[in-house]
Protein backbone atom coordinates (compact mmCIF):
# COMPACT_ATOMS: atom_id res chain seq x y z
CA UNK A 1 0.14 -0.08 0.00
CA UNK A 2 1.19 3.32 -1.04
CA UNK A 3 2.41 5.37 2.28
CA UNK A 4 0.68 9.00 2.72
CA UNK A 5 3.15 11.17 4.11
CA UNK A 6 1.83 14.03 6.52
CA UNK A 7 1.80 16.77 4.37
CA UNK A 8 0.13 15.23 1.77
CA UNK A 9 -2.17 13.71 4.14
CA UNK A 10 -2.76 17.05 5.13
CA UNK A 11 -3.35 18.64 1.62
CA UNK A 12 -6.02 15.19 1.19
CA UNK A 13 -7.84 16.52 3.98
CA UNK A 14 -8.33 20.22 2.95
CA UNK A 15 -9.33 19.09 -0.25
CA UNK A 16 -12.70 18.41 1.49
CA UNK A 17 -12.92 22.03 2.64
CA UNK A 18 -16.10 23.11 1.43
CA UNK A 19 -17.88 20.11 2.63
CA UNK A 20 -20.86 21.50 4.93
CA UNK A 21 -20.88 21.45 8.43
CA UNK A 22 -24.36 19.99 8.86
CA UNK A 23 -22.31 16.42 7.52
CA UNK A 24 -20.84 16.48 10.64
CA UNK A 25 -22.97 15.13 13.28
CA UNK A 26 -21.59 16.91 16.21
CA UNK A 27 -22.92 18.80 20.09
CA UNK A 28 -22.24 22.56 20.23
CA UNK A 29 -20.55 23.19 23.61
CA UNK A 30 -20.26 26.55 25.62
CA UNK A 31 -17.16 28.05 24.86
CA UNK A 32 -15.35 30.78 27.14
CA UNK A 33 -12.70 33.12 25.76
CA UNK A 34 -9.90 34.42 27.01
CA UNK A 35 -8.13 37.55 25.38
CA UNK A 36 -4.27 37.76 25.84
CA UNK A 37 -2.55 41.08 23.81
CA UNK A 38 -2.67 39.78 20.43
CA UNK A 39 -4.97 37.04 20.15
CA UNK A 40 -8.13 35.40 21.83
CA UNK A 41 -8.30 31.85 22.40
CA UNK A 42 -11.46 30.19 22.65
CA UNK A 43 -11.65 27.43 25.51
CA UNK A 44 -14.25 25.12 28.33
CA UNK A 45 -13.49 24.00 31.42
CA UNK A 46 -14.84 20.83 33.35
CA UNK A 47 -15.07 20.27 36.73
CA UNK A 48 -13.10 21.96 40.44
CA UNK A 49 -9.87 20.93 41.74
CA UNK A 50 -6.13 20.84 40.50
CA UNK A 51 -5.76 21.97 37.08
CA UNK A 52 -5.19 19.90 33.75
CA UNK A 53 -4.44 21.81 30.77
CA UNK A 54 -5.09 19.43 27.64
CA UNK A 55 -3.89 20.22 24.28
CA UNK A 56 -4.75 18.78 21.11
CA UNK A 57 -3.10 17.85 17.37
CA UNK A 58 -2.71 20.03 14.05
CA UNK A 59 -5.15 20.59 12.12
CA UNK A 60 -7.47 19.66 15.01
CA UNK A 61 -9.23 21.21 17.87
CA UNK A 62 -9.97 20.51 21.48
CA UNK A 63 -12.76 18.45 20.72
CA UNK A 64 -10.29 14.98 20.23
CA UNK A 65 -9.52 15.76 23.67
CA UNK A 66 -12.59 16.34 25.75
CA UNK A 67 -13.73 12.78 23.70
CA UNK A 68 -10.81 10.60 25.63
CA UNK A 69 -10.29 12.84 28.38
CA UNK A 70 -13.60 13.68 29.97
CA UNK A 71 -14.90 10.01 30.25
CA UNK A 72 -11.73 9.38 32.84
CA UNK A 73 -13.42 11.92 35.29
CA UNK A 74 -16.89 10.15 35.30
CA UNK A 75 -15.75 8.37 38.59
CA UNK A 76 -12.74 10.86 39.41
CA UNK A 77 -12.72 13.91 41.42
CA UNK A 78 -10.75 17.07 42.46
CA UNK A 79 -9.52 18.00 38.49
CA UNK A 80 -9.66 21.09 36.84
CA UNK A 81 -10.02 20.64 32.96
CA UNK A 82 -9.04 22.55 30.83
CA UNK A 83 -9.44 22.58 26.85
CA UNK A 84 -8.01 25.01 24.34
CA UNK A 85 -8.08 25.64 20.71
CA UNK A 86 -5.08 26.42 19.70
CA UNK A 87 -4.17 29.37 17.37
CA UNK A 88 -5.76 29.19 13.88
CA UNK A 89 -7.97 25.42 14.50
CA UNK A 90 -11.13 25.00 16.42
CA UNK A 91 -12.81 28.27 17.09
CA UNK A 92 -9.32 30.27 18.00
CA UNK A 93 -8.19 32.98 15.32
CA UNK A 94 -5.43 32.68 13.31
CA UNK A 95 -4.01 36.05 13.30
CA UNK A 96 -1.04 36.32 10.59
CA UNK A 97 1.52 37.56 13.05
CA UNK A 98 2.44 33.72 13.97
CA UNK A 99 3.71 31.73 11.60
CA UNK A 100 6.18 29.30 13.82
CA UNK A 101 5.99 26.48 16.91
CA UNK A 102 7.76 29.03 18.92
CA UNK A 103 5.08 31.95 18.54
CA UNK A 104 2.53 28.72 19.58
CA UNK A 105 4.47 27.53 22.53
CA UNK A 106 4.40 31.83 23.71
CA UNK A 107 0.71 31.80 23.42
CA UNK A 108 -0.10 28.87 25.27
CA UNK A 109 2.28 29.96 27.90
CA UNK A 110 0.58 33.45 28.40
CA UNK A 111 -2.65 31.51 28.15
CA UNK A 112 -1.43 29.71 31.15
CA UNK A 113 -0.32 32.55 33.00
CA UNK A 114 -4.14 34.05 31.94
CA UNK A 115 -6.27 31.47 33.16
CA UNK A 116 -4.36 29.72 35.97
CA UNK A 117 -1.72 32.04 37.04
CA UNK A 118 0.39 31.04 39.83
CA UNK A 119 -0.57 27.40 39.95
CA UNK A 120 1.02 24.15 39.37
CA UNK A 121 -0.57 22.17 36.74
CA UNK A 122 -0.37 18.50 35.15
CA UNK A 123 -0.36 18.92 30.95
CA UNK A 124 -1.74 16.50 28.49
CA UNK A 125 -0.86 16.78 24.90
CA UNK A 126 -1.69 15.07 21.63
CA UNK A 127 0.51 14.69 18.74
CA UNK A 128 1.50 18.14 17.95
CA UNK A 129 0.00 18.87 21.42
CA UNK A 130 2.47 16.40 22.76
CA UNK A 131 5.22 18.71 20.82
CA UNK A 132 3.60 21.60 22.59
CA UNK A 133 3.53 20.31 25.83
CA UNK A 134 7.19 19.27 25.94
CA UNK A 135 8.06 22.90 24.96
CA UNK A 136 5.52 24.06 28.01
CA UNK A 137 7.86 21.66 30.20
CA UNK A 138 10.91 22.96 29.02
CA UNK A 139 9.88 26.33 29.89
CA UNK A 140 7.71 25.78 32.93
CA UNK A 141 9.95 22.73 34.77
CA UNK A 142 8.88 23.65 38.50
CA UNK A 143 5.37 23.84 37.83
CA UNK A 144 4.05 20.98 36.16
CA UNK A 145 2.84 18.30 38.48
CA UNK A 146 2.67 15.76 35.39
CA UNK A 147 3.09 14.99 31.50
CA UNK A 148 0.75 12.65 29.73
CA UNK A 149 1.58 12.51 25.93
CA UNK A 150 -0.35 10.74 23.33
CA UNK A 151 0.97 9.60 19.88
CA UNK A 152 2.99 12.76 20.42
CA UNK A 153 5.54 14.61 17.57
CA UNK A 154 9.12 14.77 18.36
CA UNK A 155 10.51 15.29 14.97
CA UNK A 156 9.09 18.05 13.31
CA UNK A 157 10.21 17.17 9.73
CA UNK A 158 8.13 14.16 8.12
CA UNK A 159 10.88 13.30 5.87
CA UNK A 160 13.35 12.54 9.49
CA UNK A 161 10.69 10.24 11.48
CA UNK A 162 11.15 6.90 11.25
CA UNK A 163 7.80 5.42 10.42
CA UNK A 164 6.45 2.10 9.77
CA UNK A 165 4.25 1.48 6.80
CA UNK A 166 0.34 2.35 6.33
CA UNK A 167 -1.04 -0.50 8.10
CA UNK A 168 -5.01 -1.33 8.31
CA UNK A 169 -5.48 -4.60 11.00
CA UNK A 170 -9.41 -4.58 10.85
CA UNK A 171 -10.72 -3.46 7.51
CA UNK A 172 -14.83 -2.98 7.31
CA UNK A 173 -15.77 -2.79 3.28
CA UNK A 174 -19.16 -2.31 4.27
CA UNK A 175 -18.49 0.71 6.37
CA UNK A 176 -16.00 2.23 4.02
CA UNK A 177 -18.42 1.58 1.17
CA UNK A 178 -21.33 3.45 3.00
CA UNK A 179 -18.79 6.59 2.95
CA UNK A 180 -18.35 9.46 0.80
CA UNK A 181 -15.50 10.08 -0.96
CA UNK A 182 -14.49 12.74 1.36
CA UNK A 183 -15.08 10.89 4.45
CA UNK A 184 -13.45 7.85 3.13
CA UNK A 185 -10.03 9.18 2.00
CA UNK A 186 -9.99 11.22 5.45
CA UNK A 187 -10.70 7.95 7.29
CA UNK A 188 -8.90 5.37 5.69
CA UNK A 189 -5.58 7.74 5.63
CA UNK A 190 -5.37 7.07 9.46
CA UNK A 191 -7.15 4.45 10.76
CA UNK A 192 -5.94 1.27 11.40
CA UNK A 193 -9.21 0.05 13.05
CA UNK A 194 -11.78 0.07 10.69
CA UNK A 195 -15.05 -0.56 13.05
CA UNK A 196 -18.24 1.65 13.24
CA UNK A 197 -16.76 2.89 17.01
CA UNK A 198 -13.56 4.20 15.91
CA UNK A 199 -15.87 5.71 12.57
CA UNK A 200 -18.04 6.99 15.36
CA UNK A 201 -15.22 8.40 17.18
CA UNK A 202 -13.43 10.00 14.44
CA UNK A 203 -16.57 11.49 12.94
CA UNK A 204 -17.04 13.15 15.83
CA UNK A 205 -13.54 14.15 17.72
CA UNK A 206 -11.49 14.45 14.73
CA UNK A 207 -13.37 15.14 11.69
CA UNK A 208 -14.86 18.36 12.77
CA UNK A 209 -11.71 19.66 13.66
CA UNK A 210 -9.52 18.70 10.72
CA UNK A 211 -12.54 20.60 8.15
CA UNK A 212 -12.84 23.85 10.78
CA UNK A 213 -8.96 24.22 10.66
CA UNK A 214 -8.43 27.67 9.28
CA UNK A 215 -6.42 26.60 6.21
CA UNK A 216 -4.23 29.45 5.08
CA UNK A 217 -2.64 30.00 8.77
CA UNK A 218 -1.75 25.83 9.48
CA UNK A 219 -0.34 25.51 5.96
CA UNK A 220 1.56 28.52 6.81
CA UNK A 221 2.82 27.31 9.57
CA UNK A 222 3.50 23.77 8.71
CA UNK A 223 5.47 25.53 5.73
CA UNK A 224 7.28 28.07 7.74
CA UNK A 225 8.63 27.02 10.63
CA UNK A 226 6.27 23.78 11.70
CA UNK A 227 9.36 22.94 14.49
CA UNK A 228 10.76 24.42 17.43
CA UNK A 229 14.13 26.90 16.79
CA UNK A 230 15.57 24.81 19.34
CA UNK A 231 15.47 21.17 20.15
CA UNK A 232 13.28 19.90 21.83
CA UNK A 233 15.02 16.34 22.70
CA UNK A 234 17.83 18.35 23.85
CA UNK A 235 15.99 20.96 25.40
CA UNK A 236 13.82 19.73 27.71
CA UNK A 237 16.08 18.04 30.30
CA UNK A 238 15.12 16.24 32.78
CA UNK A 239 11.59 16.34 34.25
CA UNK A 240 11.16 14.36 36.96
CA UNK A 241 7.30 14.27 37.74
CA UNK A 242 5.29 11.37 36.45
CA UNK A 243 5.33 10.94 33.24
CA UNK A 244 3.00 8.75 30.36
CA UNK A 245 4.24 8.58 26.59
CA UNK A 246 1.45 6.04 24.47
CA UNK A 247 2.79 5.40 21.19
CA UNK A 248 0.88 3.61 18.35
CA UNK A 249 2.90 0.59 16.97
CA UNK A 250 1.50 1.32 13.29
CA UNK A 251 1.10 5.13 13.84
CA UNK A 252 2.19 6.17 10.59
CA UNK A 253 1.82 9.56 11.23
CA UNK A 254 4.75 10.40 13.77
CA UNK A 255 5.89 6.77 14.59
CA UNK A 256 6.90 5.52 17.97
CA UNK A 257 10.57 4.69 17.28
CA UNK A 258 11.62 8.19 17.53
CA UNK A 259 9.62 8.35 21.15
CA UNK A 260 12.36 6.28 22.28
CA UNK A 261 15.17 8.46 22.01
CA UNK A 262 13.74 11.10 24.24
CA UNK A 263 12.58 8.40 26.95
CA UNK A 264 15.96 8.99 29.16
CA UNK A 265 14.58 12.77 29.90
CA UNK A 266 11.97 11.43 31.96
CA UNK A 267 13.31 9.65 34.48
CA UNK A 268 9.63 8.98 35.95
CA UNK A 269 8.21 8.27 32.65
CA UNK A 270 5.91 4.63 31.78
CA UNK A 271 6.72 4.43 27.72
CA UNK A 272 4.14 2.36 26.26
CA UNK A 273 3.56 1.17 22.44
CA UNK A 274 0.39 -0.40 21.33
CA UNK A 275 0.05 -2.67 19.31
CA UNK A 276 -3.59 -2.33 17.02
CA UNK A 277 -3.42 0.99 16.95
CA UNK A 278 -2.54 3.63 15.06
CA UNK A 279 -2.38 7.83 15.03
CA UNK A 280 -6.28 7.42 16.89
CA UNK A 281 -4.74 4.75 19.95
CA UNK A 282 -6.94 6.91 22.34
CA UNK A 283 -9.82 5.41 19.59
CA UNK A 284 -8.61 2.16 18.59
CA UNK A 285 -7.31 1.07 22.10
CA UNK A 286 -9.76 3.14 24.31
CA UNK A 287 -9.42 0.08 27.24
CA UNK A 288 -5.69 0.15 27.38
CA UNK A 289 -5.49 4.25 26.74
CA UNK A 290 -7.96 4.57 29.62
CA UNK A 291 -5.94 2.34 32.07
CA UNK A 292 -2.66 4.01 31.15
CA UNK A 293 -3.76 7.63 31.70
CA UNK A 294 -5.92 6.70 34.95
CA UNK A 295 -2.85 5.28 36.31
CA UNK A 296 -0.62 8.42 35.22
CA UNK A 297 -3.12 10.31 36.94
CA UNK A 298 -2.88 7.80 40.18
CA UNK A 299 0.91 8.94 39.95
CA UNK A 300 0.48 12.41 39.99
CA UNK A 301 -1.92 12.31 42.34
CA UNK A 302 -0.06 10.39 44.86
CA UNK A 303 3.37 12.61 44.07
CA UNK A 304 1.67 15.88 44.18
CA UNK A 305 0.55 14.88 47.67
CA UNK A 306 4.10 13.07 49.02
CA UNK A 307 5.27 16.81 48.11
CA UNK A 308 2.53 18.45 50.19
CA UNK A 309 3.46 16.39 53.24
CA UNK A 310 7.18 17.03 52.98
CA UNK A 311 6.67 20.67 51.87
CA UNK A 312 4.09 21.15 55.31
CA UNK A 313 6.58 18.93 57.17
CA UNK A 314 9.65 21.80 56.18
CA UNK A 315 7.53 24.23 57.91
């Protein structure tokens, strides 16, 4: 099967941008806005307690994060989950002055300072959002209580990534034949498990974001300075809070082997490579994903409780 590069896939996705919004069955949520100096960020908040910031991938929106993270809190309290739309994606504007991931990182840091000022927080990042999350830990290491990376992008240039070939492990010809050409193209380009359930979640959590993104903005970011101006693997240094890195064994977008090279930066890191999973592993391996992230949340809670006890004992 022919391998489709990330850049080629993005152009294929945008070929269907004229598709009307009413073809995608999604529920609207109430948005909040954070007005920074030069940009207004759209976001939403769930729950109360210790802050957890979730950062989505490129060029999606926060639905991909609410879809996989919110179910984990049906039986867990004490966390304030914050989901933002990155610049040029979802409902956040894509101003002309942003054309690099360095600037996207700066915007996220400004957002943190505005929404959860002078507080510790945990981070969850998916794909490009994982790359940005690693940048946040580089800049704010002492304020981050935990880091979870879902299929994180660790190498910005596609041609430099160690990628497996495109693989489909579960085929559903009846489902595929029932889709429109545009939907089929998007779904097949990235999916390893072609089931009705993965299609439903792909449509509701991923497809909307793909088609809602600001096309000129995301293309400019991709072609101009998609990677940081610094080597994130070298710059990250030692991050000693509880960490989780989850990769898909069949992920042909960012792969899994490049992530191994950053593991030594995270001495409290769990590194899991899941079979039967591609770049949407949170959908294709939902049970394992939920178990791993719940265990990471347990570790963050335990670690911060111990830190608080030590601090009180020192007073």
